[in-house]
Amino acid sequence: KRILVFVGLNILAMGILDSFTVAVLWEEVAWIVFAAMGWLVCLHLR
């Protein structure tokens, strides 16, 4: 739950910056999602 909250806050912040600034952050969001998937897999194995 906490991992999902942490990742969700990062994605939300990236989305706000992508919308309200000149930054293009879709690639960064994709890497965050990838890291979240890997993290949850490791947690399941643990």
All heavy atoms as atom14 arrays in JSON, in Angstrom:
{
  "sequence": "KRILVFVGLNILAMGILDSFTVAVLWEEVAWIVFAAMGWLVCLHLR",
  "atom14_mask": [
    [1, 1, 1, 1, 1, 1, 1, 1, 1, 0, 0, 0, 0, 0],
    [1, 1, 1, 1, 1, 1, 1, 1, 1, 1, 1, 0, 0, 0],
    [1, 1, 1, 1, 1, 1, 1, 1, 0, 0, 0, 0, 0, 0],
    [1, 1, 1, 1, 1, 1, 1, 1, 0, 0, 0, 0, 0, 0],
    [1, 1, 1, 1, 1, 1, 1, 0, 0, 0, 0, 0, 0, 0],
    [1, 1, 1, 1, 1, 1, 1, 1, 1, 1, 1, 0, 0, 0],
    [1, 1, 1, 1, 1, 1, 1, 0, 0, 0, 0, 0, 0, 0],
    [1, 1, 1, 1, 0, 0, 0, 0, 0, 0, 0, 0, 0, 0],
    [1, 1, 1, 1, 1, 1, 1, 1, 0, 0, 0, 0, 0, 0],
    [1, 1, 1, 1, 1, 1, 1, 1, 0, 0, 0, 0, 0, 0],
    [1, 1, 1, 1, 1, 1, 1, 1, 0, 0, 0, 0, 0, 0],
    [1, 1, 1, 1, 1, 1, 1, 1, 0, 0, 0, 0, 0, 0],
    [1, 1, 1, 1, 1, 0, 0, 0, 0, 0, 0, 0, 0, 0],
    [1, 1, 1, 1, 1, 1, 1, 1, 0, 0, 0, 0, 0, 0],
    [1, 1, 1, 1, 0, 0, 0, 0, 0, 0, 0, 0, 0, 0],
    [1, 1, 1, 1, 1, 1, 1, 1, 0, 0, 0, 0, 0, 0],
    [1, 1, 1, 1, 1, 1, 1, 1, 0, 0, 0, 0, 0, 0],
    [1, 1, 1, 1, 1, 1, 1, 1, 0, 0, 0, 0, 0, 0],
    [1, 1, 1, 1, 1, 1, 0, 0, 0, 0, 0, 0, 0, 0],
    [1, 1, 1, 1, 1, 1, 1, 1, 1, 1, 1, 0, 0, 0],
    [1, 1, 1, 1, 1, 1, 1, 0, 0, 0, 0, 0, 0, 0],
    [1, 1, 1, 1, 1, 1, 1, 0, 0, 0, 0, 0, 0, 0],
    [1, 1, 1, 1, 1, 0, 0, 0, 0, 0, 0, 0, 0, 0],
    [1, 1, 1, 1, 1, 1, 1, 0, 0, 0, 0, 0, 0, 0],
    [1, 1, 1, 1, 1, 1, 1, 1, 0, 0, 0, 0, 0, 0],
    [1, 1, 1, 1, 1, 1, 1, 1, 1, 1, 1, 1, 1, 1],
    [1, 1, 1, 1, 1, 1, 1, 1, 1, 0, 0, 0, 0, 0],
    [1, 1, 1, 1, 1, 1, 1, 1, 1, 0, 0, 0, 0, 0],
    [1, 1, 1, 1, 1, 1, 1, 0, 0, 0, 0, 0, 0, 0],
    [1, 1, 1, 1, 1, 0, 0, 0, 0, 0, 0, 0, 0, 0],
    [1, 1, 1, 1, 1, 1, 1, 1, 1, 1, 1, 1, 1, 1],
    [1, 1, 1, 1, 1, 1, 1, 1, 0, 0, 0, 0, 0, 0],
    [1, 1, 1, 1, 1, 1, 1, 0, 0, 0, 0, 0, 0, 0],
    [1, 1, 1, 1, 1, 1, 1, 1, 1, 1, 1, 0, 0, 0],
    [1, 1, 1, 1, 1, 0, 0, 0, 0, 0, 0, 0, 0, 0],
    [1, 1, 1, 1, 1, 0, 0, 0, 0, 0, 0, 0, 0, 0],
    [1, 1, 1, 1, 1, 1, 1, 1, 0, 0, 0, 0, 0, 0],
    [1, 1, 1, 1, 0, 0, 0, 0, 0, 0, 0, 0, 0, 0],
    [1, 1, 1, 1, 1, 1, 1, 1, 1, 1, 1, 1, 1, 1],
    [1, 1, 1, 1, 1, 1, 1, 1, 0, 0, 0, 0, 0, 0],
    [1, 1, 1, 1, 1, 1, 1, 0, 0, 0, 0, 0, 0, 0],
    [1, 1, 1, 1, 1, 1, 0, 0, 0, 0, 0, 0, 0, 0],
    [1, 1, 1, 1, 1, 1, 1, 1, 0, 0, 0, 0, 0, 0],
    [1, 1, 1, 1, 1, 1, 1, 1, 1, 1, 0, 0, 0, 0],
    [1, 1, 1, 1, 1, 1, 1, 1, 0, 0, 0, 0, 0, 0],
    [1, 1, 1, 1, 1, 1, 1, 1, 1, 1, 1, 0, 0, 0]
  ],
  "atom14_positions": [
    [[0.82, -1.21, 0.0], [0.0, 0.0, 0.0], [0.85, 1.25, 0.0], [0.61, 2.21, -0.74], [-0.94, -0.01, 1.21], [-2.06, -1.05, 1.12], [-2.99, -0.95, 2.32], [-4.11, -1.99, 2.21], [-5.03, -1.92, 3.39], [0.0, 0.0, 0.0], [0.0, 0.0, 0.0], [0.0, 0.0, 0.0], [0.0, 0.0, 0.0], [0.0, 0.0, 0.0]],
    [[1.89, 1.26, 0.85], [2.74, 2.45, 0.94], [3.57, 2.63, -0.33], [3.83, 3.77, -0.75], [3.65, 2.33, 2.16], [2.87, 2.39, 3.47], [3.81, 2.44, 4.67], [3.08, 2.54, 5.93], [3.66, 2.7, 7.11], [4.99, 2.76, 7.18], [2.93, 2.78, 8.2], [0.0, 0.0, 0.0], [0.0, 0.0, 0.0], [0.0, 0.0, 0.0]],
    [[4.0, 1.52, -0.91], [4.73, 1.63, -2.17], [3.84, 2.24, -3.25], [4.26, 3.11, -4.01], [5.25, 0.24, -2.61], [6.35, -0.24, -1.66], [5.78, 0.28, -4.04], [6.78, -1.67, -1.9], [0.0, 0.0, 0.0], [0.0, 0.0, 0.0], [0.0, 0.0, 0.0], [0.0, 0.0, 0.0], [0.0, 0.0, 0.0], [0.0, 0.0, 0.0]],
    [[2.6, 1.79, -3.33], [1.68, 2.32, -4.33], [1.39, 3.8, -4.08], [1.29, 4.59, -5.04], [0.38, 1.52, -4.32], [0.47, 0.09, -4.88], [-0.83, -0.65, -4.67], [0.82, 0.12, -6.37], [0.0, 0.0, 0.0], [0.0, 0.0, 0.0], [0.0, 0.0, 0.0], [0.0, 0.0, 0.0], [0.0, 0.0, 0.0], [0.0, 0.0, 0.0]],
    [[1.26, 4.19, -2.81], [1.05, 5.61, -2.49], [2.26, 6.43, -2.92], [2.12, 7.51, -3.53], [0.76, 5.79, -0.99], [0.8, 7.27, -0.61], [-0.59, 5.19, -0.64], [0.0, 0.0, 0.0], [0.0, 0.0, 0.0], [0.0, 0.0, 0.0], [0.0, 0.0, 0.0], [0.0, 0.0, 0.0], [0.0, 0.0, 0.0], [0.0, 0.0, 0.0]],
    [[3.46, 5.95, -2.58], [4.69, 6.65, -2.94], [4.82, 6.8, -4.45], [5.07, 7.9, -4.97], [5.89, 5.89, -2.37], [7.22, 6.39, -2.86], [7.7, 7.62, -2.49], [7.99, 5.6, -3.73], [8.93, 8.08, -2.95], [9.21, 6.05, -4.2], [9.68, 7.29, -3.8], [0.0, 0.0, 0.0], [0.0, 0.0, 0.0], [0.0, 0.0, 0.0]],
    [[4.62, 5.72, -5.18], [4.72, 5.77, -6.64], [3.62, 6.65, -7.22], [3.86, 7.44, -8.14], [4.65, 4.34, -7.22], [4.56, 4.4, -8.75], [5.86, 3.53, -6.79], [0.0, 0.0, 0.0], [0.0, 0.0, 0.0], [0.0, 0.0, 0.0], [0.0, 0.0, 0.0], [0.0, 0.0, 0.0], [0.0, 0.0, 0.0], [0.0, 0.0, 0.0]],
    [[2.4, 6.53, -6.68], [1.31, 7.35, -7.17], [1.57, 8.84, -7.0], [1.26, 9.64, -7.89], [0.0, 0.0, 0.0], [0.0, 0.0, 0.0], [0.0, 0.0, 0.0], [0.0, 0.0, 0.0], [0.0, 0.0, 0.0], [0.0, 0.0, 0.0], [0.0, 0.0, 0.0], [0.0, 0.0, 0.0], [0.0, 0.0, 0.0], [0.0, 0.0, 0.0]],
    [[2.16, 9.23, -5.86], [2.49, 10.64, -5.65], [3.54, 11.12, -6.65], [3.46, 12.26, -7.15], [2.99, 10.84, -4.22], [1.94, 10.69, -3.11], [2.59, 10.78, -1.74], [0.85, 11.75, -3.25], [0.0, 0.0, 0.0], [0.0, 0.0, 0.0], [0.0, 0.0, 0.0], [0.0, 0.0, 0.0], [0.0, 0.0, 0.0], [0.0, 0.0, 0.0]],
    [[4.51, 10.26, -6.95], [5.52, 10.64, -7.94], [4.91, 10.82, -9.32], [5.21, 11.79, -10.03], [6.61, 9.56, -8.0], [7.65, 9.72, -6.91], [8.63, 10.44, -7.08], [7.44, 9.06, -5.79], [0.0, 0.0, 0.0], [0.0, 0.0, 0.0], [0.0, 0.0, 0.0], [0.0, 0.0, 0.0], [0.0, 0.0, 0.0], [0.0, 0.0, 0.0]],
    [[4.03, 9.9, -9.71], [3.39, 10.0, -11.03], [2.48, 11.23, -11.09], [2.45, 11.95, -12.09], [2.59, 8.72, -11.33], [3.55, 7.53, -11.48], [1.75, 8.87, -12.58], [2.85, 6.19, -11.64], [0.0, 0.0, 0.0], [0.0, 0.0, 0.0], [0.0, 0.0, 0.0], [0.0, 0.0, 0.0], [0.0, 0.0, 0.0], [0.0, 0.0, 0.0]],
    [[1.75, 11.49, -9.99], [0.89, 12.67, -9.95], [1.7, 13.95, -10.09], [1.33, 14.87, -10.85], [0.1, 12.67, -8.63], [-0.83, 13.88, -8.39], [-1.92, 13.92, -9.46], [-1.44, 13.81, -7.0], [0.0, 0.0, 0.0], [0.0, 0.0, 0.0], [0.0, 0.0, 0.0], [0.0, 0.0, 0.0], [0.0, 0.0, 0.0], [0.0, 0.0, 0.0]],
    [[2.81, 14.03, -9.36], [3.66, 15.22, -9.44], [4.23, 15.39, -10.84], [4.24, 16.51, -11.39], [4.79, 15.12, -8.41], [0.0, 0.0, 0.0], [0.0, 0.0, 0.0], [0.0, 0.0, 0.0], [0.0, 0.0, 0.0], [0.0, 0.0, 0.0], [0.0, 0.0, 0.0], [0.0, 0.0, 0.0], [0.0, 0.0, 0.0], [0.0, 0.0, 0.0]],
    [[4.68, 14.3, -11.44], [5.2, 14.36, -12.81], [4.1, 14.81, -13.78], [4.34, 15.61, -14.7], [5.74, 13.0, -13.23], [7.07, 12.62, -12.6], [8.45, 13.41, -13.44], [9.84, 12.7, -12.55], [0.0, 0.0, 0.0], [0.0, 0.0, 0.0], [0.0, 0.0, 0.0], [0.0, 0.0, 0.0], [0.0, 0.0, 0.0], [0.0, 0.0, 0.0]],
    [[2.89, 14.3, -13.59], [1.79, 14.68, -14.46], [1.46, 16.16, -14.36], [1.19, 16.83, -15.37], [0.0, 0.0, 0.0], [0.0, 0.0, 0.0], [0.0, 0.0, 0.0], [0.0, 0.0, 0.0], [0.0, 0.0, 0.0], [0.0, 0.0, 0.0], [0.0, 0.0, 0.0], [0.0, 0.0, 0.0], [0.0, 0.0, 0.0], [0.0, 0.0, 0.0]],
    [[1.47, 16.7, -13.14], [1.2, 18.13, -12.95], [2.28, 18.98, -13.62], [2.0, 19.96, -14.32], [1.1, 18.45, -11.45], [-0.15, 17.78, -10.85], [1.05, 19.95, -11.21], [-0.24, 17.89, -9.35], [0.0, 0.0, 0.0], [0.0, 0.0, 0.0], [0.0, 0.0, 0.0], [0.0, 0.0, 0.0], [0.0, 0.0, 0.0], [0.0, 0.0, 0.0]],
    [[3.54, 18.6, -13.43], [4.64, 19.35, -14.05], [4.58, 19.26, -15.57], [4.87, 20.23, -16.27], [5.98, 18.82, -13.54], [6.31, 19.12, -12.07], [7.54, 18.35, -11.64], [6.51, 20.62, -11.87], [0.0, 0.0, 0.0], [0.0, 0.0, 0.0], [0.0, 0.0, 0.0], [0.0, 0.0, 0.0], [0.0, 0.0, 0.0], [0.0, 0.0, 0.0]],
    [[4.2, 18.07, -16.09], [4.1, 17.91, -17.54], [3.0, 18.81, -18.11], [3.13, 19.33, -19.21], [3.81, 16.45, -17.87], [3.77, 16.19, -19.36], [4.85, 15.95, -19.93], [2.68, 16.24, -19.96], [0.0, 0.0, 0.0], [0.0, 0.0, 0.0], [0.0, 0.0, 0.0], [0.0, 0.0, 0.0], [0.0, 0.0, 0.0], [0.0, 0.0, 0.0]],
    [[1.9, 18.99, -17.35], [0.77, 19.78, -17.84], [0.99, 21.28, -17.69], [0.6, 22.05, -18.57], [-0.51, 19.38, -17.09], [-0.87, 18.05, -17.37], [0.0, 0.0, 0.0], [0.0, 0.0, 0.0], [0.0, 0.0, 0.0], [0.0, 0.0, 0.0], [0.0, 0.0, 0.0], [0.0, 0.0, 0.0], [0.0, 0.0, 0.0], [0.0, 0.0, 0.0]],
    [[1.62, 21.7, -16.59], [1.68, 23.12, -16.28], [3.04, 23.76, -16.52], [3.22, 24.94, -16.23], [1.27, 23.35, -14.82], [-0.19, 23.08, -14.56], [-0.62, 21.82, -14.21], [-1.13, 24.09, -14.71], [-1.96, 21.57, -13.99], [-2.47, 23.85, -14.48], [-2.9, 22.58, -14.13], [0.0, 0.0, 0.0], [0.0, 0.0, 0.0], [0.0, 0.0, 0.0]],
    [[4.0, 23.0, -17.02], [5.31, 23.56, -17.36], [5.69, 23.12, -18.77], [4.97, 22.36, -19.41], [6.41, 23.09, -16.37], [6.65, 21.69, -16.57], [5.97, 23.33, -14.94], [0.0, 0.0, 0.0], [0.0, 0.0, 0.0], [0.0, 0.0, 0.0], [0.0, 0.0, 0.0], [0.0, 0.0, 0.0], [0.0, 0.0, 0.0], [0.0, 0.0, 0.0]],
    [[6.84, 23.59, -19.24], [7.29, 23.23, -20.58], [7.96, 21.86, -20.62], [8.32, 21.38, -21.68], [8.3, 24.28, -21.11], [7.64, 25.63, -21.23], [9.53, 24.37, -20.2], [0.0, 0.0, 0.0], [0.0, 0.0, 0.0], [0.0, 0.0, 0.0], [0.0, 0.0, 0.0], [0.0, 0.0, 0.0], [0.0, 0.0, 0.0], [0.0, 0.0, 0.0]],
    [[8.11, 21.23, -19.46], [8.79, 19.93, -19.41], [7.91, 18.84, -20.02], [6.69, 18.84, -19.87], [9.13, 19.57, -17.97], [0.0, 0.0, 0.0], [0.0, 0.0, 0.0], [0.0, 0.0, 0.0], [0.0, 0.0, 0.0], [0.0, 0.0, 0.0], [0.0, 0.0, 0.0], [0.0, 0.0, 0.0], [0.0, 0.0, 0.0], [0.0, 0.0, 0.0]],
    [[8.55, 17.89, -20.72], [7.88, 16.71, -21.27], [8.38, 15.51, -20.48], [9.54, 15.14, -20.57], [8.2, 16.54, -22.77], [7.48, 15.32, -23.32], [7.78, 17.79, -23.55], [0.0, 0.0, 0.0], [0.0, 0.0, 0.0], [0.0, 0.0, 0.0], [0.0, 0.0, 0.0], [0.0, 0.0, 0.0], [0.0, 0.0, 0.0], [0.0, 0.0, 0.0]],
    [[7.49, 14.89, -19.7], [7.92, 13.92, -18.69], [7.3, 12.55, -18.87], [7.28, 11.75, -17.93], [7.58, 14.46, -17.29], [8.23, 15.8, -16.92], [7.69, 16.3, -15.6], [9.75, 15.68, -16.87], [0.0, 0.0, 0.0], [0.0, 0.0, 0.0], [0.0, 0.0, 0.0], [0.0, 0.0, 0.0], [0.0, 0.0, 0.0], [0.0, 0.0, 0.0]],
    [[6.79, 12.24, -20.07], [6.17, 10.93, -20.27], [7.2, 9.81, -20.13], [6.91, 8.73, -19.63], [5.49, 10.87, -21.63], [4.19, 11.6, -21.64], [3.89, 12.75, -22.31], [3.0, 11.24, -20.93], [2.6, 13.14, -22.07], [2.02, 12.22, -21.21], [2.66, 10.21, -20.07], [0.74, 12.18, -20.69], [1.39, 10.17, -19.54], [0.44, 11.14, -19.84]],
    [[8.4, 10.04, -20.59], [9.43, 9.01, -20.48], [9.77, 8.75, -19.02], [9.95, 7.6, -18.6], [10.67, 9.44, -21.25], [11.74, 8.37, -21.31], [12.87, 8.73, -22.25], [12.74, 9.72, -23.0], [13.89, 8.01, -22.23], [0.0, 0.0, 0.0], [0.0, 0.0, 0.0], [0.0, 0.0, 0.0], [0.0, 0.0, 0.0], [0.0, 0.0, 0.0]],
    [[9.86, 9.83, -18.23], [10.15, 9.66, -16.8], [9.02, 8.9, -16.1], [9.27, 8.05, -15.24], [10.34, 11.04, -16.15], [11.67, 11.71, -16.44], [11.75, 12.28, -17.85], [10.69, 12.34, -18.52], [12.85, 12.68, -18.29], [0.0, 0.0, 0.0], [0.0, 0.0, 0.0], [0.0, 0.0, 0.0], [0.0, 0.0, 0.0], [0.0, 0.0, 0.0]],
    [[7.77, 9.2, -16.47], [6.64, 8.48, -15.88], [6.71, 7.0, -16.22], [6.44, 6.13, -15.38], [5.31, 9.1, -16.37], [4.12, 8.21, -15.99], [5.12, 10.49, -15.8], [0.0, 0.0, 0.0], [0.0, 0.0, 0.0], [0.0, 0.0, 0.0], [0.0, 0.0, 0.0], [0.0, 0.0, 0.0], [0.0, 0.0, 0.0], [0.0, 0.0, 0.0]],
    [[7.07, 6.69, -17.47], [7.18, 5.28, -17.88], [8.22, 4.55, -17.05], [8.01, 3.4, -16.63], [7.51, 5.2, -19.36], [0.0, 0.0, 0.0], [0.0, 0.0, 0.0], [0.0, 0.0, 0.0], [0.0, 0.0, 0.0], [0.0, 0.0, 0.0], [0.0, 0.0, 0.0], [0.0, 0.0, 0.0], [0.0, 0.0, 0.0], [0.0, 0.0, 0.0]],
    [[9.36, 5.2, -16.78], [10.4, 4.56, -15.97], [9.94, 4.39, -14.51], [10.28, 3.39, -13.86], [11.69, 5.39, -16.01], [12.52, 5.12, -17.21], [12.74, 5.95, -18.27], [13.24, 3.92, -17.5], [13.55, 5.34, -19.2], [13.88, 4.1, -18.75], [13.42, 2.72, -16.83], [14.67, 3.12, -19.33], [14.22, 1.74, -17.41], [14.84, 1.95, -18.65]],
    [[9.16, 5.34, -13.99], [8.65, 5.2, -12.63], [7.7, 4.01, -12.54], [7.73, 3.23, -11.58], [7.95, 6.5, -12.2], [8.98, 7.62, -12.01], [7.17, 6.29, -10.91], [8.38, 8.97, -11.69], [0.0, 0.0, 0.0], [0.0, 0.0, 0.0], [0.0, 0.0, 0.0], [0.0, 0.0, 0.0], [0.0, 0.0, 0.0], [0.0, 0.0, 0.0]],
    [[6.83, 3.85, -13.55], [5.91, 2.71, -13.57], [6.69, 1.4, -13.64], [6.37, 0.42, -12.96], [4.94, 2.84, -14.75], [4.11, 1.57, -14.91], [4.02, 4.04, -14.56], [0.0, 0.0, 0.0], [0.0, 0.0, 0.0], [0.0, 0.0, 0.0], [0.0, 0.0, 0.0], [0.0, 0.0, 0.0], [0.0, 0.0, 0.0], [0.0, 0.0, 0.0]],
    [[7.74, 1.38, -14.46], [8.58, 0.18, -14.57], [9.23, -0.15, -13.22], [9.24, -1.31, -12.78], [9.66, 0.41, -15.63], [10.66, -0.71, -15.74], [10.38, -1.84, -16.48], [11.89, -0.63, -15.09], [11.29, -2.87, -16.58], [12.82, -1.66, -15.19], [12.51, -2.79, -15.94], [0.0, 0.0, 0.0], [0.0, 0.0, 0.0], [0.0, 0.0, 0.0]],
    [[9.75, 0.87, -12.54], [10.37, 0.65, -11.23], [9.35, 0.15, -10.22], [9.65, -0.71, -9.39], [11.03, 1.94, -10.74], [0.0, 0.0, 0.0], [0.0, 0.0, 0.0], [0.0, 0.0, 0.0], [0.0, 0.0, 0.0], [0.0, 0.0, 0.0], [0.0, 0.0, 0.0], [0.0, 0.0, 0.0], [0.0, 0.0, 0.0], [0.0, 0.0, 0.0]],
    [[8.13, 0.69, -10.28], [7.09, 0.26, -9.35], [6.74, -1.21, -9.56], [6.57, -1.97, -8.59], [5.84, 1.12, -9.53], [0.0, 0.0, 0.0], [0.0, 0.0, 0.0], [0.0, 0.0, 0.0], [0.0, 0.0, 0.0], [0.0, 0.0, 0.0], [0.0, 0.0, 0.0], [0.0, 0.0, 0.0], [0.0, 0.0, 0.0], [0.0, 0.0, 0.0]],
    [[6.65, -1.63, -10.81], [6.37, -3.04, -11.1], [7.47, -3.93, -10.55], [7.2, -4.97, -9.91], [6.21, -3.23, -12.61], [4.97, -2.59, -13.2], [5.03, -2.52, -15.0], [5.41, -4.21, -15.42], [0.0, 0.0, 0.0], [0.0, 0.0, 0.0], [0.0, 0.0, 0.0], [0.0, 0.0, 0.0], [0.0, 0.0, 0.0], [0.0, 0.0, 0.0]],
    [[8.71, -3.56, -10.79], [9.83, -4.35, -10.28], [9.85, -4.4, -8.76], [10.12, -5.45, -8.16], [0.0, 0.0, 0.0], [0.0, 0.0, 0.0], [0.0, 0.0, 0.0], [0.0, 0.0, 0.0], [0.0, 0.0, 0.0], [0.0, 0.0, 0.0], [0.0, 0.0, 0.0], [0.0, 0.0, 0.0], [0.0, 0.0, 0.0], [0.0, 0.0, 0.0]],
    [[9.54, -3.27, -8.14], [9.52, -3.2, -6.67], [8.45, -4.14, -6.1], [8.69, -4.89, -5.15], [9.25, -1.76, -6.26], [9.58, -1.45, -4.83], [9.92, -2.33, -3.85], [9.62, -0.15, -4.23], [10.16, -1.66, -2.68], [9.99, -0.33, -2.88], [9.38, 1.13, -4.7], [10.1, 0.75, -2.01], [9.5, 2.2, -3.83], [9.87, 2.01, -2.51]],
    [[7.26, -4.12, -6.68], [6.17, -4.96, -6.19], [6.47, -6.45, -6.4], [6.11, -7.29, -5.57], [4.86, -4.57, -6.88], [4.29, -3.19, -6.49], [3.11, -2.84, -7.37], [3.9, -3.17, -5.01], [0.0, 0.0, 0.0], [0.0, 0.0, 0.0], [0.0, 0.0, 0.0], [0.0, 0.0, 0.0], [0.0, 0.0, 0.0], [0.0, 0.0, 0.0]],
    [[7.12, -6.77, -7.5], [7.51, -8.17, -7.73], [8.49, -8.63, -6.65], [8.36, -9.73, -6.09], [8.12, -8.33, -9.14], [8.8, -9.69, -9.28], [7.05, -8.18, -10.21], [0.0, 0.0, 0.0], [0.0, 0.0, 0.0], [0.0, 0.0, 0.0], [0.0, 0.0, 0.0], [0.0, 0.0, 0.0], [0.0, 0.0, 0.0], [0.0, 0.0, 0.0]],
    [[9.48, -7.79, -6.35], [10.45, -8.15, -5.31], [9.77, -8.28, -3.95], [10.1, -9.18, -3.16], [11.55, -7.08, -5.24], [12.63, -7.04, -6.69], [0.0, 0.0, 0.0], [0.0, 0.0, 0.0], [0.0, 0.0, 0.0], [0.0, 0.0, 0.0], [0.0, 0.0, 0.0], [0.0, 0.0, 0.0], [0.0, 0.0, 0.0], [0.0, 0.0, 0.0]],
    [[8.81, -7.39, -3.65], [8.08, -7.47, -2.39], [7.29, -8.78, -2.3], [7.26, -9.43, -1.24], [7.14, -6.29, -2.24], [6.29, -6.25, -0.97], [7.18, -6.15, 0.27], [5.29, -5.1, -1.02], [0.0, 0.0, 0.0], [0.0, 0.0, 0.0], [0.0, 0.0, 0.0], [0.0, 0.0, 0.0], [0.0, 0.0, 0.0], [0.0, 0.0, 0.0]],
    [[6.67, -9.19, -3.4], [5.93, -10.45, -3.42], [6.86, -11.64, -3.14], [6.52, -12.54, -2.36], [5.24, -10.61, -4.76], [4.55, -11.93, -4.93], [3.35, -12.24, -4.32], [4.91, -13.05, -5.63], [3.0, -13.47, -4.63], [3.92, -13.98, -5.42], [0.0, 0.0, 0.0], [0.0, 0.0, 0.0], [0.0, 0.0, 0.0], [0.0, 0.0, 0.0]],
    [[8.03, -11.63, -3.77], [8.99, -12.71, -3.56], [9.5, -12.72, -2.12], [9.73, -13.79, -1.53], [10.15, -12.58, -4.54], [9.8, -12.81, -6.02], [11.0, -12.53, -6.9], [9.31, -14.24, -6.24], [0.0, 0.0, 0.0], [0.0, 0.0, 0.0], [0.0, 0.0, 0.0], [0.0, 0.0, 0.0], [0.0, 0.0, 0.0], [0.0, 0.0, 0.0]],
    [[9.7, -11.53, -1.55], [10.16, -11.45, -0.16], [9.11, -12.04, 0.79], [9.44, -12.77, 1.74], [10.43, -9.99, 0.21], [10.83, -9.76, 1.66], [12.07, -10.54, 2.04], [12.5, -10.24, 3.39], [13.42, -10.93, 4.06], [14.01, -11.97, 3.49], [13.75, -10.59, 5.27], [0.0, 0.0, 0.0], [0.0, 0.0, 0.0], [0.0, 0.0, 0.0]]
  ]
}
